[in-house]
Amino acid sequence: MSETVKIPVHNIEKGSTYAEKVDTTEEHAEAKNAHNETSQNIEAIAKARQEVQGIKTQESSVINQALAAKDEHKELQLPDKKELKKVILNNNLSVIRSRLNKREKRFSKIIHQPTINNVSEVTSRTLLRPSAILCASLFTLLGSIYYLYITKQTGYKYNFTTALALFGGGFLLGLMLEFIVRKIVRRAV
């Protein structure tokens, strides 16, 4: 990167060449000095660059050796499954919530709070299956209507524990029906 020296046009006399004027001026000497300084600076920069690259390779080899020694003594630690699931859940929820309107976002934030989510997970793994409860309630409703009709026809006194027995029987019936349906669906797939 050499500097160019500009010579004013009004200093050049008629009949003389450009080279003659440049040789006799002080500006030419300054230009040569600037060129020499620039080439020296370029050489210094190149030397510094080589030194830095040498240091980088030495440092990287030292770092690689330290990492290898560390790996021999310690295995790579992965995050816990719970933490990983939590991060994935939060990322998925934020992506899905970005597509929802304001009311649905608020509802999603309420539903997916850790306490509500934990209660939901626990109840989904227990025997309190929604299909069993639905079957139990329908069985209780229909059974109670029939039992009430029979007691009115025969003149017996209505026993309220019968409703509890009907609910329990309907619940067991619902669990069995869900089990049978799952077995059939798995075989079909």
Protein backbone atom coordinates (compact mmCIF):
# COMPACT_ATOMS: atom_id res chain seq x y z
CA MET A 1 0.00 0.00 0.00
CA SER A 2 2.02 2.87 -1.29
CA GLU A 3 1.03 6.46 -1.05
CA THR A 4 0.62 8.48 -4.17
CA VAL A 5 2.07 11.96 -4.19
CA LYS A 6 0.14 14.68 -5.91
CA ILE A 7 2.11 17.51 -7.41
CA PRO A 8 0.27 20.72 -8.12
CA VAL A 9 -0.10 21.35 -11.83
CA HIS A 10 0.90 25.03 -11.61
CA ASN A 11 4.49 24.06 -10.52
CA ILE A 12 5.15 22.15 -13.71
CA GLU A 13 6.81 24.35 -16.32
CA LYS A 14 6.14 24.08 -20.00
CA GLY A 15 8.50 21.85 -21.86
CA SER A 16 9.64 19.83 -18.89
CA THR A 17 8.51 16.29 -18.32
CA TYR A 18 6.70 15.00 -15.30
CA ALA A 19 9.63 12.70 -14.31
CA GLU A 20 12.12 15.57 -14.26
CA LYS A 21 9.99 17.59 -11.89
CA VAL A 22 9.30 14.65 -9.53
CA ASP A 23 13.02 13.87 -9.22
CA THR A 24 13.91 17.39 -8.20
CA THR A 25 11.20 17.95 -5.65
CA GLU A 26 11.25 17.19 -1.97
CA GLU A 27 7.91 15.53 -2.29
CA HIS A 28 9.52 12.67 -4.15
CA ALA A 29 11.84 12.01 -1.23
CA GLU A 30 8.91 12.06 1.17
CA ALA A 31 7.02 9.62 -1.05
CA LYS A 32 9.98 7.21 -1.08
CA ASN A 33 10.25 7.42 2.72
CA ALA A 34 6.52 6.79 3.10
CA HIS A 35 6.76 3.83 0.73
CA ASN A 36 9.67 2.37 2.70
CA GLU A 37 7.82 2.86 5.99
CA THR A 38 4.71 1.21 4.54
CA SER A 39 6.65 -1.81 3.31
CA GLN A 40 8.33 -2.09 6.73
CA ASN A 41 4.92 -1.91 8.39
CA ILE A 42 3.61 -4.64 6.09
CA GLU A 43 6.57 -6.85 6.95
CA ALA A 44 6.03 -6.22 10.68
CA ILE A 45 2.34 -7.06 10.35
CA ALA A 46 3.18 -10.29 8.49
CA LYS A 47 5.67 -11.28 11.22
CA ALA A 48 3.14 -10.51 13.95
CA ARG A 49 0.50 -12.53 12.12
CA GLN A 50 2.84 -15.52 11.92
CA GLU A 51 3.64 -15.21 15.63
CA VAL A 52 -0.04 -15.04 16.54
CA GLN A 53 -0.81 -18.08 14.41
CA GLY A 54 2.04 -19.94 16.10
CA ILE A 55 0.66 -18.99 19.52
CA LYS A 56 -2.84 -20.03 18.47
CA THR A 57 -1.66 -23.48 17.37
CA GLN A 58 0.31 -23.88 20.60
CA GLU A 59 -2.70 -22.78 22.66
CA SER A 60 -5.08 -25.03 20.77
CA SER A 61 -2.79 -28.02 21.26
CA VAL A 62 -2.57 -27.23 24.99
CA ILE A 63 -6.35 -26.86 25.18
CA ASN A 64 -6.88 -30.12 23.31
CA GLN A 65 -4.48 -31.90 25.66
CA ALA A 66 -6.27 -30.46 28.70
CA LEU A 67 -9.64 -31.53 27.32
CA ALA A 68 -8.35 -35.01 26.58
CA ALA A 69 -6.99 -35.31 30.13
CA LYS A 70 -10.28 -34.03 31.50
CA ASP A 71 -12.26 -36.51 29.36
CA GLU A 72 -10.19 -39.39 30.67
CA HIS A 73 -11.14 -38.53 34.24
CA LYS A 74 -14.72 -37.40 33.73
CA GLU A 75 -17.45 -38.54 31.44
CA LEU A 76 -19.52 -36.01 29.57
CA GLN A 77 -22.43 -34.92 31.75
CA LEU A 78 -25.77 -34.68 30.00
CA PRO A 79 -28.70 -32.78 31.49
CA ASP A 80 -31.25 -34.73 33.50
CA LYS A 81 -34.25 -36.14 31.68
CA LYS A 82 -36.57 -33.97 33.74
CA GLU A 83 -34.68 -30.79 32.85
CA LEU A 84 -34.50 -31.77 29.21
CA LYS A 85 -38.24 -32.51 29.10
CA LYS A 86 -38.94 -29.18 30.80
CA VAL A 87 -36.88 -27.24 28.25
CA ILE A 88 -38.50 -29.06 25.33
CA LEU A 89 -41.98 -28.49 26.76
CA ASN A 90 -41.33 -24.77 27.25
CA ASN A 91 -39.97 -24.42 23.72
CA ASN A 92 -42.94 -26.24 22.23
CA LEU A 93 -45.42 -24.21 24.27
CA SER A 94 -43.82 -20.92 23.25
CA VAL A 95 -43.95 -21.90 19.56
CA ILE A 96 -47.58 -22.98 19.82
CA ARG A 97 -48.58 -19.92 21.88
CA SER A 98 -47.10 -17.60 19.27
CA ARG A 99 -49.83 -18.81 16.89
CA LEU A 100 -52.72 -18.34 19.36
CA ASN A 101 -54.81 -15.24 20.03
CA LYS A 102 -54.57 -13.39 23.37
CA ARG A 103 -57.42 -15.22 25.13
CA GLU A 104 -56.11 -18.65 24.12
CA LYS A 105 -52.56 -17.68 25.20
CA ARG A 106 -53.82 -16.73 28.68
CA PHE A 107 -55.79 -19.97 28.94
CA SER A 108 -52.74 -21.97 27.83
CA LYS A 109 -50.57 -20.27 30.43
CA ILE A 110 -53.07 -21.15 33.16
CA ILE A 111 -53.52 -24.76 32.06
CA HIS A 112 -49.80 -25.45 31.65
CA GLN A 113 -48.65 -24.14 35.02
CA PRO A 114 -46.48 -26.74 36.77
CA THR A 115 -48.93 -27.40 39.62
CA ILE A 116 -51.94 -27.88 37.35
CA ASN A 117 -49.86 -29.91 34.89
CA ASN A 118 -48.60 -32.20 37.68
CA VAL A 119 -52.11 -32.82 39.02
CA SER A 120 -53.30 -33.61 35.50
CA GLU A 121 -50.41 -36.03 34.90
CA VAL A 122 -51.01 -37.87 38.18
CA THR A 123 -54.75 -38.23 37.60
CA SER A 124 -54.23 -39.44 34.05
CA ARG A 125 -52.06 -42.31 35.28
CA THR A 126 -54.50 -43.50 37.95
CA LEU A 127 -57.65 -45.55 37.69
CA LEU A 128 -59.75 -42.41 37.42
CA ARG A 129 -60.02 -42.72 33.68
CA PRO A 130 -62.49 -40.40 31.96
CA SER A 131 -64.10 -43.26 30.07
CA ALA A 132 -64.64 -45.18 33.32
CA ILE A 133 -66.18 -42.17 35.04
CA LEU A 134 -68.45 -41.52 32.05
CA CYS A 135 -69.59 -45.14 32.02
CA ALA A 136 -70.09 -45.10 35.80
CA SER A 137 -72.22 -41.96 35.69
CA LEU A 138 -74.37 -43.27 32.84
CA PHE A 139 -74.74 -46.63 34.58
CA THR A 140 -75.72 -44.86 37.81
CA LEU A 141 -78.24 -42.62 36.06
CA LEU A 142 -79.92 -45.41 34.14
CA GLY A 143 -79.71 -47.85 37.07
CA SER A 144 -81.17 -45.33 39.51
CA ILE A 145 -84.05 -44.55 37.16
CA TYR A 146 -84.81 -48.25 36.81
CA TYR A 147 -84.41 -48.85 40.58
CA LEU A 148 -86.71 -45.91 41.36
CA TYR A 149 -89.32 -47.27 38.94
CA ILE A 150 -89.12 -50.74 40.52
CA THR A 151 -89.40 -49.40 44.08
CA LYS A 152 -92.48 -47.33 43.13
CA GLN A 153 -94.10 -50.33 41.46
CA THR A 154 -93.45 -52.78 44.29
CA GLY A 155 -93.83 -50.41 47.20
CA TYR A 156 -90.34 -50.92 48.65
CA LYS A 157 -88.38 -48.10 50.31
CA TYR A 158 -85.70 -46.43 48.13
CA ASN A 159 -82.15 -47.25 49.36
CA PHE A 160 -79.58 -44.53 48.53
CA THR A 161 -76.56 -46.85 48.84
CA THR A 162 -77.79 -48.53 45.68
CA ALA A 163 -76.62 -45.47 43.72
CA LEU A 164 -73.08 -45.94 45.12
CA ALA A 165 -73.13 -49.62 44.17
CA LEU A 166 -74.34 -48.73 40.68
CA PHE A 167 -71.58 -46.15 40.34
CA GLY A 168 -68.91 -48.69 41.38
CA GLY A 169 -70.27 -51.31 39.00
CA GLY A 170 -70.42 -48.81 36.14
CA PHE A 171 -66.87 -47.72 36.88
CA LEU A 172 -65.57 -51.31 36.66
CA LEU A 173 -67.59 -51.84 33.50
CA GLY A 174 -66.04 -48.68 32.00
CA LEU A 175 -62.50 -49.85 32.83
CA MET A 176 -63.15 -53.24 31.23
CA LEU A 177 -64.63 -51.65 28.11
CA GLU A 178 -61.65 -49.31 27.76
CA PHE A 179 -59.23 -52.24 28.16
CA ILE A 180 -61.07 -54.28 25.49
CA VAL A 181 -61.19 -51.34 23.06
CA ARG A 182 -57.45 -50.70 23.48
CA LYS A 183 -56.64 -54.35 22.80
CA ILE A 184 -58.77 -54.34 19.65
CA VAL A 185 -57.24 -51.08 18.38
CA ARG A 186 -53.68 -52.31 18.98
CA ARG A 187 -54.33 -55.52 17.06
CA ALA A 188 -55.90 -53.58 14.19
CA VAL A 189 -52.86 -51.31 13.90
